Amino acid sequence: MSEWTWEFLPDADAVVAGLPPEVVKEVEGIAAELSVVNSMVYLDGPDFQDAGPGLRSVSRPDLMVFYITDVRGEAIFIVRVHHYG
């Protein structure tokens, strides 16, 4: 298993600014989980040749996290968060 990373894109100020700290912590946990899962799904990493999976989302009660998987870069980019709480 490779060392996949995650980050906010363009940055945390643009993606999670104004959200309660516990929501930000939940989003960070989701991002870490996505990194692990994608490292097991996309074993080729930098050698991956197909089209990437595109924009995807994860739903939790009162929360939706939109992310992009950069398979060749072995990274998850959290691009948008909706909190309905």
PDB file of N, CA and C in Angstrom:
ATOM      1  N   MET A   1       0.845  -1.182   0.000  1.00  0.00           N
ATOM      2  CA  MET A   1       0.000   0.000   0.000  1.00  0.00           C
ATOM      3  C   MET A   1       0.884   1.237   0.000  1.00  0.00           C
ATOM      4  N   SER A   2       0.597   2.164  -0.880  1.00  0.00           N
ATOM      5  CA  SER A   2       1.393   3.386  -0.973  1.00  0.00           C
ATOM      6  C   SER A   2       0.913   4.429   0.037  1.00  0.00           C
ATOM      7  N   GLU A   3       1.633   5.489   0.117  1.00  0.00           N
ATOM      8  CA  GLU A   3       1.300   6.573   1.046  1.00  0.00           C
ATOM      9  C   GLU A   3       0.492   7.660   0.334  1.00  0.00           C
ATOM     10  N   TRP A   4      -0.768   7.422   0.155  1.00  0.00           N
ATOM     11  CA  TRP A   4      -1.626   8.429  -0.438  1.00  0.00           C
ATOM     12  C   TRP A   4      -1.796   9.587   0.536  1.00  0.00           C
ATOM     13  N   THR A   5      -2.017  10.770  -0.017  1.00  0.00           N
ATOM     14  CA  THR A   5      -2.223  11.965   0.794  1.00  0.00           C
ATOM     15  C   THR A   5      -3.582  12.567   0.456  1.00  0.00           C
ATOM     16  N   TRP A   6      -3.944  13.572   1.199  1.00  0.00           N
ATOM     17  CA  TRP A   6      -5.154  14.330   0.888  1.00  0.00           C
ATOM     18  C   TRP A   6      -4.895  15.782   1.243  1.00  0.00           C
ATOM     19  N   GLU A   7      -5.669  16.668   0.606  1.00  0.00           N
ATOM     20  CA  GLU A   7      -5.595  18.095   0.924  1.00  0.00           C
ATOM     21  C   GLU A   7      -6.851  18.784   0.430  1.00  0.00           C
ATOM     22  N   PHE A   8      -7.059  19.986   0.948  1.00  0.00           N
ATOM     23  CA  PHE A   8      -8.164  20.813   0.476  1.00  0.00           C
ATOM     24  C   PHE A   8      -7.710  21.538  -0.786  1.00  0.00           C
ATOM     25  N   LEU A   9      -8.617  21.673  -1.747  1.00  0.00           N
ATOM     26  CA  LEU A   9      -8.282  22.365  -2.988  1.00  0.00           C
ATOM     27  C   LEU A   9      -9.339  23.428  -3.251  1.00  0.00           C
ATOM     28  N   PRO A  10      -9.000  24.710  -3.306  1.00  0.00           N
ATOM     29  CA  PRO A  10      -7.642  25.241  -3.373  1.00  0.00           C
ATOM     30  C   PRO A  10      -6.930  25.294  -2.018  1.00  0.00           C
ATOM     31  N   ASP A  11      -7.687  25.468  -0.921  1.00  0.00           N
ATOM     32  CA  ASP A  11      -7.089  25.449   0.421  1.00  0.00           C
ATOM     33  C   ASP A  11      -8.218  25.364   1.449  1.00  0.00           C
ATOM     34  N   ALA A  12      -7.863  25.162   2.706  1.00  0.00           N
ATOM     35  CA  ALA A  12      -8.869  25.003   3.756  1.00  0.00           C
ATOM     36  C   ALA A  12      -9.755  26.238   3.889  1.00  0.00           C
ATOM     37  N   ASP A  13      -9.178  27.428   3.707  1.00  0.00           N
ATOM     38  CA  ASP A  13      -9.977  28.646   3.823  1.00  0.00           C
ATOM     39  C   ASP A  13     -11.112  28.674   2.807  1.00  0.00           C
ATOM     40  N   ALA A  14     -10.873  28.141   1.637  1.00  0.00           N
ATOM     41  CA  ALA A  14     -11.899  28.153   0.591  1.00  0.00           C
ATOM     42  C   ALA A  14     -12.909  27.014   0.743  1.00  0.00           C
ATOM     43  N   VAL A  15     -12.518  25.927   1.393  1.00  0.00           N
ATOM     44  CA  VAL A  15     -13.374  24.740   1.419  1.00  0.00           C
ATOM     45  C   VAL A  15     -14.145  24.582   2.732  1.00  0.00           C
ATOM     46  N   VAL A  16     -13.498  24.806   3.870  1.00  0.00           N
ATOM     47  CA  VAL A  16     -14.163  24.542   5.149  1.00  0.00           C
ATOM     48  C   VAL A  16     -14.245  25.761   6.069  1.00  0.00           C
ATOM     49  N   ALA A  17     -13.903  26.926   5.553  1.00  0.00           N
ATOM     50  CA  ALA A  17     -13.973  28.137   6.378  1.00  0.00           C
ATOM     51  C   ALA A  17     -15.382  28.332   6.917  1.00  0.00           C
ATOM     52  N   GLY A  18     -15.487  28.657   8.194  1.00  0.00           N
ATOM     53  CA  GLY A  18     -16.767  28.940   8.812  1.00  0.00           C
ATOM     54  C   GLY A  18     -17.511  27.728   9.344  1.00  0.00           C
ATOM     55  N   LEU A  19     -17.020  26.544   9.038  1.00  0.00           N
ATOM     56  CA  LEU A  19     -17.671  25.345   9.562  1.00  0.00           C
ATOM     57  C   LEU A  19     -17.242  25.113  11.005  1.00  0.00           C
ATOM     58  N   PRO A  20     -18.107  24.532  11.825  1.00  0.00           N
ATOM     59  CA  PRO A  20     -17.729  24.235  13.204  1.00  0.00           C
ATOM     60  C   PRO A  20     -16.522  23.287  13.239  1.00  0.00           C
ATOM     61  N   PRO A  21     -15.661  23.424  14.246  1.00  0.00           N
ATOM     62  CA  PRO A  21     -14.461  22.585  14.329  1.00  0.00           C
ATOM     63  C   PRO A  21     -14.754  21.081  14.279  1.00  0.00           C
ATOM     64  N   GLU A  22     -15.853  20.646  14.876  1.00  0.00           N
ATOM     65  CA  GLU A  22     -16.159  19.212  14.850  1.00  0.00           C
ATOM     66  C   GLU A  22     -16.513  18.731  13.450  1.00  0.00           C
ATOM     67  N   VAL A  23     -17.085  19.614  12.633  1.00  0.00           N
ATOM     68  CA  VAL A  23     -17.396  19.264  11.251  1.00  0.00           C
ATOM     69  C   VAL A  23     -16.103  19.185  10.445  1.00  0.00           C
ATOM     70  N   VAL A  24     -15.213  20.140  10.643  1.00  0.00           N
ATOM     71  CA  VAL A  24     -13.920  20.115   9.954  1.00  0.00           C
ATOM     72  C   VAL A  24     -13.175  18.827  10.308  1.00  0.00           C
ATOM     73  N   LYS A  25     -13.212  18.439  11.580  1.00  0.00           N
ATOM     74  CA  LYS A  25     -12.553  17.204  12.009  1.00  0.00           C
ATOM     75  C   LYS A  25     -13.179  15.993  11.321  1.00  0.00           C
ATOM     76  N   GLU A  26     -14.493  15.982  11.182  1.00  0.00           N
ATOM     77  CA  GLU A  26     -15.165  14.880  10.488  1.00  0.00           C
ATOM     78  C   GLU A  26     -14.756  14.830   9.018  1.00  0.00           C
ATOM     79  N   VAL A  27     -14.682  15.993   8.374  1.00  0.00           N
ATOM     80  CA  VAL A  27     -14.253  16.058   6.976  1.00  0.00           C
ATOM     81  C   VAL A  27     -12.823  15.528   6.840  1.00  0.00           C
ATOM     82  N   GLU A  28     -11.957  15.920   7.752  1.00  0.00           N
ATOM     83  CA  GLU A  28     -10.575  15.435   7.712  1.00  0.00           C
ATOM     84  C   GLU A  28     -10.517  13.918   7.888  1.00  0.00           C
ATOM     85  N   GLY A  29     -11.373  13.366   8.742  1.00  0.00           N
ATOM     86  CA  GLY A  29     -11.437  11.917   8.917  1.00  0.00           C
ATOM     87  C   GLY A  29     -11.909  11.211   7.657  1.00  0.00           C
ATOM     88  N   ILE A  30     -12.905  11.792   7.006  1.00  0.00           N
ATOM     89  CA  ILE A  30     -13.402  11.240   5.743  1.00  0.00           C
ATOM     90  C   ILE A  30     -12.288  11.258   4.704  1.00  0.00           C
ATOM     91  N   ALA A  31     -11.556  12.365   4.625  1.00  0.00           N
ATOM     92  CA  ALA A  31     -10.459  12.478   3.657  1.00  0.00           C
ATOM     93  C   ALA A  31      -9.391  11.416   3.913  1.00  0.00           C
ATOM     94  N   ALA A  32      -9.066  11.191   5.172  1.00  0.00           N
ATOM     95  CA  ALA A  32      -8.070  10.166   5.509  1.00  0.00           C
ATOM     96  C   ALA A  32      -8.577   8.778   5.100  1.00  0.00           C
ATOM     97  N   GLU A  33      -9.850   8.498   5.352  1.00  0.00           N
ATOM     98  CA  GLU A  33     -10.438   7.217   4.948  1.00  0.00           C
ATOM     99  C   GLU A  33     -10.397   7.051   3.432  1.00  0.00           C
ATOM    100  N   LEU A  34     -10.727   8.114   2.716  1.00  0.00           N
ATOM    101  CA  LEU A  34     -10.703   8.051   1.254  1.00  0.00           C
ATOM    102  C   LEU A  34      -9.294   7.766   0.737  1.00  0.00           C
ATOM    103  N   SER A  35      -8.289   8.319   1.383  1.00  0.00           N
ATOM    104  CA  SER A  35      -6.908   8.066   0.981  1.00  0.00           C
ATOM    105  C   SER A  35      -6.567   6.588   1.113  1.00  0.00           C
ATOM    106  N   VAL A  36      -6.971   5.994   2.206  1.00  0.00           N
ATOM    107  CA  VAL A  36      -6.695   4.566   2.428  1.00  0.00           C
ATOM    108  C   VAL A  36      -7.442   3.709   1.410  1.00  0.00           C
ATOM    109  N   VAL A  37      -8.738   3.966   1.255  1.00  0.00           N
ATOM    110  CA  VAL A  37      -9.549   3.172   0.333  1.00  0.00           C
ATOM    111  C   VAL A  37      -9.017   3.271  -1.092  1.00  0.00           C
ATOM    112  N   ASN A  38      -8.721   4.485  -1.537  1.00  0.00           N
ATOM    113  CA  ASN A  38      -8.247   4.649  -2.907  1.00  0.00           C
ATOM    114  C   ASN A  38      -6.861   4.039  -3.117  1.00  0.00           C
ATOM    115  N   SER A  39      -6.045   4.002  -2.084  1.00  0.00           N
ATOM    116  CA  SER A  39      -4.737   3.356  -2.223  1.00  0.00           C
ATOM    117  C   SER A  39      -4.891   1.860  -2.457  1.00  0.00           C
ATOM    118  N   MET A  40      -5.985   1.281  -1.974  1.00  0.00           N
ATOM    119  CA  MET A  40      -6.230  -0.148  -2.172  1.00  0.00           C
ATOM    120  C   MET A  40      -6.959  -0.432  -3.484  1.00  0.00           C
ATOM    121  N   VAL A  41      -7.687   0.544  -3.984  1.00  0.00           N
ATOM    122  CA  VAL A  41      -8.425   0.364  -5.240  1.00  0.00           C
ATOM    123  C   VAL A  41      -7.518   0.608  -6.446  1.00  0.00           C
ATOM    124  N   TYR A  42      -6.719   1.652  -6.379  1.00  0.00           N
ATOM    125  CA  TYR A  42      -5.854   2.037  -7.503  1.00  0.00           C
ATOM    126  C   TYR A  42      -4.412   1.659  -7.190  1.00  0.00           C
ATOM    127  N   LEU A  43      -4.108   0.387  -7.350  1.00  0.00           N
ATOM    128  CA  LEU A  43      -2.796  -0.128  -6.981  1.00  0.00           C
ATOM    129  C   LEU A  43      -1.687   0.346  -7.915  1.00  0.00           C
ATOM    130  N   ASP A  44      -2.017   0.742  -9.148  1.00  0.00           N
ATOM    131  CA  ASP A  44      -1.007   1.179 -10.111  1.00  0.00           C
ATOM    132  C   ASP A  44      -0.416   2.541  -9.769  1.00  0.00           C
ATOM    133  N   GLY A  45      -1.170   3.361  -9.027  1.00  0.00           N
ATOM    134  CA  GLY A  45      -0.679   4.685  -8.642  1.00  0.00           C
ATOM    135  C   GLY A  45      -0.157   5.475  -9.826  1.00  0.00           C
ATOM    136  N   PRO A  46       1.116   5.870  -9.805  1.00  0.00           N
ATOM    137  CA  PRO A  46       1.679   6.700 -10.877  1.00  0.00           C
ATOM    138  C   PRO A  46       1.627   6.053 -12.259  1.00  0.00           C
ATOM    139  N   ASP A  47       1.507   4.739 -12.327  1.00  0.00           N
ATOM    140  CA  ASP A  47       1.461   4.039 -13.616  1.00  0.00           C
ATOM    141  C   ASP A  47       0.040   3.872 -14.146  1.00  0.00           C
ATOM    142  N   PHE A  48      -0.950   4.397 -13.441  1.00  0.00           N
ATOM    143  CA  PHE A  48      -2.355   4.302 -13.837  1.00  0.00           C
ATOM    144  C   PHE A  48      -2.542   4.950 -15.203  1.00  0.00           C
ATOM    145  N   GLN A  49      -3.226   4.261 -16.124  1.00  0.00           N
ATOM    146  CA  GLN A  49      -3.373   4.757 -17.494  1.00  0.00           C
ATOM    147  C   GLN A  49      -4.800   5.110 -17.898  1.00  0.00           C
ATOM    148  N   ASP A  50      -5.791   4.676 -17.160  1.00  0.00           N
ATOM    149  CA  ASP A  50      -7.177   4.947 -17.529  1.00  0.00           C
ATOM    150  C   ASP A  50      -7.582   6.363 -17.118  1.00  0.00           C
ATOM    151  N   ALA A  51      -8.787   6.742 -17.517  1.00  0.00           N
ATOM    152  CA  ALA A  51      -9.324   8.027 -17.073  1.00  0.00           C
ATOM    153  C   ALA A  51      -9.594   7.940 -15.577  1.00  0.00           C
ATOM    154  N   GLY A  52      -9.362   9.022 -14.876  1.00  0.00           N
ATOM    155  CA  GLY A  52      -9.640   9.055 -13.444  1.00  0.00           C
ATOM    156  C   GLY A  52     -11.133   8.997 -13.179  1.00  0.00           C
ATOM    157  N   PRO A  53     -11.516   8.744 -11.945  1.00  0.00           N
ATOM    158  CA  PRO A  53     -12.934   8.588 -11.628  1.00  0.00           C
ATOM    159  C   PRO A  53     -13.725   9.887 -11.622  1.00  0.00           C
ATOM    160  N   GLY A  54     -13.073  11.038 -11.700  1.00  0.00           N
ATOM    161  CA  GLY A  54     -13.800  12.304 -11.729  1.00  0.00           C
ATOM    162  C   GLY A  54     -14.263  12.756 -10.359  1.00  0.00           C
ATOM    163  N   LEU A  55     -15.173  13.701 -10.363  1.00  0.00           N
ATOM    164  CA  LEU A  55     -15.714  14.256  -9.128  1.00  0.00           C
ATOM    165  C   LEU A  55     -16.659  13.245  -8.494  1.00  0.00           C
ATOM    166  N   ARG A  56     -16.458  12.993  -7.194  1.00  0.00           N
ATOM    167  CA  ARG A  56     -17.310  12.061  -6.464  1.00  0.00           C
ATOM    168  C   ARG A  56     -17.708  12.713  -5.144  1.00  0.00           C
ATOM    169  N   SER A  57     -18.596  12.051  -4.428  1.00  0.00           N
ATOM    170  CA  SER A  57     -19.029  12.604  -3.148  1.00  0.00           C
ATOM    171  C   SER A  57     -19.238  11.495  -2.121  1.00  0.00           C
ATOM    172  N   VAL A  58     -19.183  11.915  -0.868  1.00  0.00           N
ATOM    173  CA  VAL A  58     -19.481  11.054   0.273  1.00  0.00           C
ATOM    174  C   VAL A  58     -20.555  11.774   1.071  1.00  0.00           C
ATOM    175  N   SER A  59     -21.605  11.042   1.424  1.00  0.00           N
ATOM    176  CA  SER A  59     -22.694  11.630   2.204  1.00  0.00           C
ATOM    177  C   SER A  59     -22.698  11.041   3.604  1.00  0.00           C
ATOM    178  N   ARG A  60     -22.874  11.891   4.556  1.00  0.00           N
ATOM    179  CA  ARG A  60     -23.086  11.512   5.947  1.00  0.00           C
ATOM    180  C   ARG A  60     -24.276  12.351   6.433  1.00  0.00           C
ATOM    181  N   PRO A  61     -24.888  11.992   7.546  1.00  0.00           N
ATOM    182  CA  PRO A  61     -26.000  12.823   8.022  1.00  0.00           C
ATOM    183  C   PRO A  61     -25.554  14.284   8.156  1.00  0.00           C
ATOM    184  N   ASP A  62     -26.271  15.163   7.543  1.00  0.00           N
ATOM    185  CA  ASP A  62     -26.020  16.610   7.587  1.00  0.00           C
ATOM    186  C   ASP A  62     -24.716  17.041   6.926  1.00  0.00           C
ATOM    187  N   LEU A  63     -24.108  16.179   6.110  1.00  0.00           N
ATOM    188  CA  LEU A  63     -22.807  16.521   5.534  1.00  0.00           C
ATOM    189  C   LEU A  63     -22.643  15.859   4.174  1.00  0.00           C
ATOM    190  N   MET A  64     -22.099  16.609   3.216  1.00  0.00           N
ATOM    191  CA  MET A  64     -21.731  16.052   1.925  1.00  0.00           C
ATOM    192  C   MET A  64     -20.350  16.589   1.559  1.00  0.00           C
ATOM    193  N   VAL A  65     -19.447  15.684   1.223  1.00  0.00           N
ATOM    194  CA  VAL A  65     -18.067  16.035   0.893  1.00  0.00           C
ATOM    195  C   VAL A  65     -17.820  15.654  -0.562  1.00  0.00           C
ATOM    196  N   PHE A  66     -17.400  16.619  -1.359  1.00  0.00           N
ATOM    197  CA  PHE A  66     -17.080  16.385  -2.761  1.00  0.00           C
ATOM    198  C   PHE A  66     -15.567  16.324  -2.912  1.00  0.00           C
ATOM    199  N   TYR A  67     -15.097  15.339  -3.677  1.00  0.00           N
ATOM    200  CA  TYR A  67     -13.654  15.158  -3.803  1.00  0.00           C
ATOM    201  C   TYR A  67     -13.267  14.656  -5.193  1.00  0.00           C
ATOM    202  N   ILE A  68     -12.006  14.859  -5.523  1.00  0.00           N
ATOM    203  CA  ILE A  68     -11.415  14.382  -6.760  1.00  0.00           C
ATOM    204  C   ILE A  68     -10.264  13.466  -6.391  1.00  0.00           C
ATOM    205  N   THR A  69     -10.171  12.341  -7.076  1.00  0.00           N
ATOM    206  CA  THR A  69      -9.064  11.411  -6.867  1.00  0.00           C
ATOM    207  C   THR A  69      -8.038  11.611  -7.970  1.00  0.00           C
ATOM    208  N   ASP A  70      -6.827  11.972  -7.586  1.00  0.00           N
ATOM    209  CA  ASP A  70      -5.706  12.069  -8.525  1.00  0.00           C
ATOM    210  C   ASP A  70      -4.920  10.765  -8.393  1.00  0.00           C
ATOM    211  N   VAL A  71      -5.266   9.798  -9.236  1.00  0.00           N
ATOM    212  CA  VAL A  71      -4.680   8.465  -9.101  1.00  0.00           C
ATOM    213  C   VAL A  71      -3.171   8.516  -9.323  1.00  0.00           C
ATOM    214  N   ARG A  72      -2.721   9.158 -10.393  1.00  0.00           N
ATOM    215  CA  ARG A  72      -1.282   9.202 -10.689  1.00  0.00           C
ATOM    216  C   ARG A  72      -0.503   9.957  -9.619  1.00  0.00           C
ATOM    217  N   GLY A  73      -1.124  10.949  -9.016  1.00  0.00           N
ATOM    218  CA  GLY A  73      -0.480  11.712  -7.957  1.00  0.00           C
ATOM    219  C   GLY A  73      -0.701  11.119  -6.576  1.00  0.00           C
ATOM    220  N   GLU A  74      -1.482  10.043  -6.522  1.00  0.00           N
ATOM    221  CA  GLU A  74      -1.820   9.351  -5.279  1.00  0.00           C
ATOM    222  C   GLU A  74      -2.312  10.322  -4.206  1.00  0.00           C
ATOM    223  N   ALA A  75      -3.338  11.100  -4.595  1.00  0.00           N
ATOM    224  CA  ALA A  75      -3.852  12.131  -3.693  1.00  0.00           C
ATOM    225  C   ALA A  75      -5.366  12.269  -3.836  1.00  0.00           C
ATOM    226  N   ILE A  76      -5.981  12.669  -2.746  1.00  0.00           N
ATOM    227  CA  ILE A  76      -7.401  13.012  -2.699  1.00  0.00           C
ATOM    228  C   ILE A  76      -7.483  14.519  -2.481  1.00  0.00           C
ATOM    229  N   PHE A  77      -8.296  15.190  -3.275  1.00  0.00           N
ATOM    230  CA  PHE A  77      -8.496  16.628  -3.128  1.00  0.00           C
ATOM    231  C   PHE A  77      -9.939  16.885  -2.711  1.00  0.00           C
ATOM    232  N   ILE A  78     -10.108  17.437  -1.532  1.00  0.00           N
ATOM    233  CA  ILE A  78     -11.433  17.809  -1.042  1.00  0.00           C
ATOM    234  C   ILE A  78     -11.731  19.185  -1.623  1.00  0.00           C
ATOM    235  N   VAL A  79     -12.764  19.262  -2.468  1.00  0.00           N
ATOM    236  CA  VAL A  79     -13.008  20.502  -3.204  1.00  0.00           C
ATOM    237  C   VAL A  79     -14.231  21.278  -2.726  1.00  0.00           C
ATOM    238  N   ARG A  80     -15.152  20.591  -2.044  1.00  0.00           N
ATOM    239  CA  ARG A  80     -16.353  21.290  -1.586  1.00  0.00           C
ATOM    240  C   ARG A  80     -16.975  20.493  -0.434  1.00  0.00           C
ATOM    241  N   VAL A  81     -17.531  21.226   0.521  1.00  0.00           N
ATOM    242  CA  VAL A  81     -18.205  20.594   1.653  1.00  0.00           C
ATOM    243  C   VAL A  81     -19.517  21.326   1.897  1.00  0.00           C
ATOM    244  N   HIS A  82     -20.591  20.561   1.996  1.00  0.00           N
ATOM    245  CA  HIS A  82     -21.896  21.119   2.356  1.00  0.00           C
ATOM    246  C   HIS A  82     -22.270  20.563   3.723  1.00  0.00           C
ATOM    247  N   HIS A  83     -22.535  21.467   4.652  1.00  0.00           N
ATOM    248  CA  HIS A  83     -22.977  21.061   5.980  1.00  0.00           C
ATOM    249  C   HIS A  83     -24.396  21.562   6.158  1.00  0.00           C
ATOM    250  N   TYR A  84     -25.299  20.667   6.484  1.00  0.00           N
ATOM    251  CA  TYR A  84     -26.715  21.002   6.568  1.00  0.00           C
ATOM    252  C   TYR A  84     -27.197  21.069   8.014  1.00  0.00           C
ATOM    253  N   GLY A  85     -26.271  21.216   8.954  1.00  0.00           N
ATOM    254  CA  GLY A  85     -26.632  21.214  10.362  1.00  0.00           C
ATOM    255  C   GLY A  85     -27.099  22.539  10.889  1.00  0.00           C
TER     256      GLY A  85
END
